[in-house]
Amino acid sequence: METFLDPTINCKNWDWIGTNAGQKIKAGAISGFEALYAGHRTYNGNFGNFGLNANFWSSSLYNIDDGITHTTYIDYLKIYRKNISKLRGYSVRCIK
């Protein structure tokens, strides 16, 4: 979905990717998908960043302990991509 919304995204890059896919996911009009800023669950079961960012697991793994995540922030145009421990709780996007 990210590369559909923002052709400047290189899926091999890490950290901040693209130019404005994060903004387009927020709006939902182009993709038909609107990210909810649910934040995340920490290692110890607490919740953080509610209303500030939307964190999504990728279907790809980084290694045995870490997954790949994509995060959009309420006040950034780009998407942040990085590896995170699978012990954290992030959202998933299901496709029917």
N, C-alpha and C. Protein backbone atom coordinates (compact mmCIF):
# COMPACT_ATOMS: atom_id res chain seq x y z
N MET A 1 0.83 -1.18 0.00
CA MET A 1 0.00 0.00 0.00
C MET A 1 0.88 1.25 0.00
N GLU A 2 1.97 1.21 0.76
CA GLU A 2 2.83 2.40 0.84
C GLU A 2 3.37 2.81 -0.52
N THR A 3 3.84 1.84 -1.30
CA THR A 3 4.41 2.19 -2.60
C THR A 3 3.33 2.63 -3.58
N PHE A 4 2.10 2.17 -3.39
CA PHE A 4 0.99 2.65 -4.21
C PHE A 4 0.72 4.12 -3.91
N LEU A 5 0.75 4.47 -2.64
CA LEU A 5 0.47 5.85 -2.23
C LEU A 5 1.63 6.80 -2.50
N ASP A 6 2.84 6.28 -2.44
CA ASP A 6 4.02 7.11 -2.57
C ASP A 6 5.09 6.36 -3.37
N PRO A 7 5.17 6.56 -4.68
CA PRO A 7 6.12 5.83 -5.52
C PRO A 7 7.59 6.10 -5.20
N THR A 8 7.89 7.10 -4.37
CA THR A 8 9.28 7.38 -4.01
C THR A 8 9.80 6.43 -2.94
N ILE A 9 8.94 5.58 -2.38
CA ILE A 9 9.37 4.66 -1.32
C ILE A 9 10.19 3.53 -1.92
N ASN A 10 11.34 3.31 -1.30
CA ASN A 10 12.19 2.17 -1.63
C ASN A 10 12.04 1.18 -0.48
N CYS A 11 11.48 0.02 -0.74
CA CYS A 11 11.17 -0.94 0.32
C CYS A 11 12.41 -1.49 1.02
N LYS A 12 13.59 -1.21 0.50
CA LYS A 12 14.82 -1.69 1.14
C LYS A 12 15.38 -0.68 2.13
N ASN A 13 14.84 0.52 2.12
CA ASN A 13 15.32 1.56 3.03
C ASN A 13 14.75 1.36 4.43
N TRP A 14 15.46 1.93 5.41
CA TRP A 14 15.03 1.90 6.81
C TRP A 14 14.88 3.33 7.28
N ASP A 15 14.34 3.49 8.46
CA ASP A 15 14.09 4.80 9.06
C ASP A 15 12.97 5.51 8.32
N TRP A 16 13.11 6.80 8.03
CA TRP A 16 12.06 7.57 7.39
C TRP A 16 12.03 7.26 5.91
N ILE A 17 10.87 6.83 5.40
CA ILE A 17 10.79 6.44 4.00
C ILE A 17 9.70 7.25 3.29
N GLY A 18 9.91 7.45 1.97
CA GLY A 18 8.93 8.13 1.16
C GLY A 18 8.93 9.63 1.37
N THR A 19 7.91 10.25 0.81
CA THR A 19 7.78 11.70 0.96
C THR A 19 6.46 12.08 1.63
N ASN A 20 5.35 11.37 1.31
CA ASN A 20 4.08 11.79 1.90
C ASN A 20 3.07 10.66 2.09
N ALA A 21 3.51 9.41 2.10
CA ALA A 21 2.57 8.30 2.28
C ALA A 21 1.88 8.36 3.64
N GLY A 22 2.59 8.80 4.67
CA GLY A 22 1.99 8.93 5.99
C GLY A 22 0.79 9.86 5.99
N GLN A 23 0.91 10.96 5.27
CA GLN A 23 -0.19 11.92 5.17
C GLN A 23 -1.37 11.29 4.43
N LYS A 24 -1.10 10.54 3.37
CA LYS A 24 -2.17 9.94 2.59
C LYS A 24 -2.89 8.84 3.36
N ILE A 25 -2.16 8.10 4.20
CA ILE A 25 -2.80 7.08 5.03
C ILE A 25 -3.71 7.74 6.06
N LYS A 26 -3.30 8.89 6.59
CA LYS A 26 -4.14 9.61 7.55
C LYS A 26 -5.46 10.02 6.94
N ALA A 27 -5.39 10.51 5.71
CA ALA A 27 -6.60 11.02 5.07
C ALA A 27 -7.55 9.90 4.69
N GLY A 28 -7.02 8.78 4.21
CA GLY A 28 -7.87 7.63 3.86
C GLY A 28 -8.60 7.75 2.54
N ALA A 29 -8.65 8.93 1.96
CA ALA A 29 -9.43 9.12 0.74
C ALA A 29 -8.82 8.39 -0.46
N ILE A 30 -7.52 8.40 -0.57
CA ILE A 30 -6.86 7.78 -1.72
C ILE A 30 -6.78 6.27 -1.57
N SER A 31 -6.42 5.80 -0.39
CA SER A 31 -6.19 4.37 -0.19
C SER A 31 -7.44 3.61 0.24
N GLY A 32 -8.42 4.32 0.78
CA GLY A 32 -9.58 3.63 1.35
C GLY A 32 -9.28 3.08 2.73
N PHE A 33 -8.09 3.31 3.22
CA PHE A 33 -7.66 2.85 4.54
C PHE A 33 -7.27 4.07 5.36
N GLU A 34 -7.81 4.17 6.55
CA GLU A 34 -7.48 5.28 7.42
C GLU A 34 -6.87 4.74 8.71
N ALA A 35 -5.63 5.11 8.97
CA ALA A 35 -4.92 4.63 10.16
C ALA A 35 -5.52 5.25 11.42
N LEU A 36 -5.74 4.43 12.43
CA LEU A 36 -6.17 4.90 13.74
C LEU A 36 -4.94 5.01 14.62
N TYR A 37 -4.77 6.10 15.29
CA TYR A 37 -3.57 6.35 16.09
C TYR A 37 -3.70 5.69 17.46
N ALA A 38 -3.54 4.36 17.44
CA ALA A 38 -3.74 3.55 18.64
C ALA A 38 -2.49 3.42 19.49
N GLY A 39 -1.34 3.91 19.02
CA GLY A 39 -0.10 3.77 19.77
C GLY A 39 0.38 2.33 19.78
N HIS A 40 0.91 1.88 20.92
CA HIS A 40 1.46 0.52 21.00
C HIS A 40 1.42 0.00 22.44
N ARG A 41 1.64 -1.31 22.57
CA ARG A 41 1.80 -1.93 23.89
C ARG A 41 3.28 -2.18 24.10
N THR A 42 3.78 -1.83 25.28
CA THR A 42 5.19 -1.99 25.59
C THR A 42 5.49 -3.42 26.05
N TYR A 43 6.76 -3.70 26.29
CA TYR A 43 7.20 -5.02 26.74
C TYR A 43 6.50 -5.46 28.03
N ASN A 44 6.25 -4.51 28.93
CA ASN A 44 5.68 -4.85 30.24
C ASN A 44 4.15 -4.73 30.29
N GLY A 45 3.52 -4.53 29.13
CA GLY A 45 2.06 -4.50 29.08
C GLY A 45 1.43 -3.14 29.19
N ASN A 46 2.23 -2.09 29.37
CA ASN A 46 1.69 -0.73 29.38
C ASN A 46 1.44 -0.26 27.96
N PHE A 47 0.64 0.78 27.83
CA PHE A 47 0.34 1.33 26.51
C PHE A 47 0.93 2.72 26.39
N GLY A 48 1.38 3.07 25.19
CA GLY A 48 1.99 4.38 24.99
C GLY A 48 1.64 4.97 23.64
N ASN A 49 1.77 6.27 23.54
CA ASN A 49 1.60 7.04 22.30
C ASN A 49 0.21 6.98 21.69
N PHE A 50 -0.81 6.70 22.50
CA PHE A 50 -2.17 6.70 21.99
C PHE A 50 -2.49 8.10 21.44
N GLY A 51 -3.02 8.15 20.23
CA GLY A 51 -3.36 9.41 19.60
C GLY A 51 -2.20 10.10 18.92
N LEU A 52 -0.98 9.55 19.04
CA LEU A 52 0.19 10.18 18.44
C LEU A 52 0.73 9.44 17.23
N ASN A 53 0.65 8.11 17.25
CA ASN A 53 1.14 7.35 16.10
C ASN A 53 0.35 6.07 15.91
N ALA A 54 0.48 5.52 14.71
CA ALA A 54 -0.14 4.25 14.35
C ALA A 54 0.99 3.31 13.95
N ASN A 55 1.13 2.21 14.66
CA ASN A 55 2.21 1.25 14.44
C ASN A 55 1.62 -0.03 13.86
N PHE A 56 2.20 -0.49 12.76
CA PHE A 56 1.70 -1.70 12.11
C PHE A 56 2.83 -2.69 11.89
N TRP A 57 2.53 -3.96 12.17
CA TRP A 57 3.47 -5.02 11.85
C TRP A 57 3.45 -5.26 10.35
N SER A 58 4.61 -5.57 9.81
CA SER A 58 4.71 -6.04 8.43
C SER A 58 4.54 -7.56 8.46
N SER A 59 4.23 -8.16 7.34
CA SER A 59 4.16 -9.62 7.28
C SER A 59 5.56 -10.22 7.20
N SER A 60 6.58 -9.38 7.02
CA SER A 60 7.97 -9.84 6.94
C SER A 60 8.62 -9.80 8.32
N LEU A 61 9.54 -10.72 8.54
CA LEU A 61 10.32 -10.74 9.77
C LEU A 61 11.70 -10.14 9.53
N TYR A 62 12.25 -9.51 10.56
CA TYR A 62 13.62 -9.01 10.48
C TYR A 62 14.59 -10.13 10.85
N ASN A 63 14.27 -10.81 11.96
CA ASN A 63 15.01 -11.99 12.40
C ASN A 63 14.10 -12.78 13.32
N ILE A 64 14.62 -13.76 14.04
CA ILE A 64 13.77 -14.63 14.87
C ILE A 64 13.09 -13.87 16.01
N ASP A 65 13.71 -12.81 16.49
CA ASP A 65 13.17 -12.06 17.63
C ASP A 65 12.43 -10.78 17.25
N ASP A 66 12.72 -10.24 16.08
CA ASP A 66 12.18 -8.93 15.69
C ASP A 66 11.32 -9.03 14.44
N GLY A 67 10.28 -8.21 14.43
CA GLY A 67 9.47 -8.03 13.24
C GLY A 67 9.79 -6.69 12.62
N ILE A 68 9.26 -6.45 11.44
CA ILE A 68 9.42 -5.17 10.76
C ILE A 68 8.14 -4.37 10.97
N THR A 69 8.30 -3.13 11.36
CA THR A 69 7.13 -2.28 11.63
C THR A 69 7.15 -1.05 10.73
N HIS A 70 5.95 -0.54 10.52
CA HIS A 70 5.75 0.69 9.77
C HIS A 70 4.91 1.60 10.65
N THR A 71 5.40 2.81 10.88
CA THR A 71 4.72 3.74 11.79
C THR A 71 4.45 5.05 11.08
N THR A 72 3.23 5.53 11.25
CA THR A 72 2.90 6.86 10.78
C THR A 72 2.57 7.71 12.01
N TYR A 73 3.09 8.91 12.02
CA TYR A 73 2.90 9.84 13.14
C TYR A 73 1.89 10.91 12.75
N ILE A 74 1.17 11.40 13.71
CA ILE A 74 0.13 12.39 13.48
C ILE A 74 0.69 13.67 12.85
N ASP A 75 1.96 13.99 13.13
CA ASP A 75 2.52 15.26 12.65
C ASP A 75 3.68 15.10 11.67
N TYR A 76 3.80 13.94 11.00
CA TYR A 76 4.85 13.71 10.00
C TYR A 76 4.23 13.23 8.70
N LEU A 77 4.83 13.58 7.58
CA LEU A 77 4.34 13.15 6.27
C LEU A 77 4.87 11.77 5.89
N LYS A 78 6.06 11.44 6.36
CA LYS A 78 6.72 10.19 5.98
C LYS A 78 6.29 9.05 6.89
N ILE A 79 6.72 7.86 6.52
CA ILE A 79 6.49 6.65 7.33
C ILE A 79 7.82 6.20 7.90
N TYR A 80 7.81 5.73 9.14
CA TYR A 80 9.03 5.26 9.79
C TYR A 80 9.03 3.74 9.76
N ARG A 81 10.09 3.16 9.22
CA ARG A 81 10.21 1.70 9.09
C ARG A 81 11.41 1.24 9.90
N LYS A 82 11.20 0.24 10.77
CA LYS A 82 12.31 -0.28 11.56
C LYS A 82 11.98 -1.67 12.09
N ASN A 83 12.97 -2.31 12.67
CA ASN A 83 12.75 -3.60 13.32
C ASN A 83 12.49 -3.38 14.81
N ILE A 84 11.54 -4.16 15.35
CA ILE A 84 11.11 -4.05 16.75
C ILE A 84 10.92 -5.46 17.30
N SER A 85 11.19 -5.62 18.58
CA SER A 85 10.97 -6.91 19.24
C SER A 85 9.52 -7.35 19.10
N LYS A 86 9.33 -8.64 18.83
CA LYS A 86 7.98 -9.18 18.70
C LYS A 86 7.25 -9.23 20.04
N LEU A 87 7.92 -8.85 21.13
CA LEU A 87 7.27 -8.79 22.44
C LEU A 87 6.37 -7.56 22.59
N ARG A 88 6.52 -6.60 21.69
CA ARG A 88 5.69 -5.40 21.74
C ARG A 88 4.38 -5.64 21.02
N GLY A 89 3.39 -4.86 21.33
CA GLY A 89 2.08 -4.99 20.71
C GLY A 89 1.82 -3.87 19.72
N TYR A 90 1.73 -4.24 18.46
CA TYR A 90 1.45 -3.29 17.39
C TYR A 90 0.19 -3.73 16.66
N SER A 91 -0.38 -2.85 15.88
CA SER A 91 -1.59 -3.15 15.13
C SER A 91 -1.26 -3.98 13.89
N VAL A 92 -2.28 -4.60 13.34
CA VAL A 92 -2.15 -5.30 12.05
C VAL A 92 -3.21 -4.79 11.11
N ARG A 93 -2.92 -4.83 9.83
CA ARG A 93 -3.89 -4.46 8.81
C ARG A 93 -4.28 -5.73 8.08
N CYS A 94 -5.54 -6.10 8.17
CA CYS A 94 -6.01 -7.30 7.52
C CYS A 94 -6.64 -6.95 6.18
N ILE A 95 -6.35 -7.76 5.19
CA ILE A 95 -6.90 -7.56 3.85
C ILE A 95 -7.86 -8.68 3.54
N LYS A 96 -9.06 -8.32 3.14
CA LYS A 96 -10.08 -9.32 2.83
C LYS A 96 -9.97 -9.76 1.39
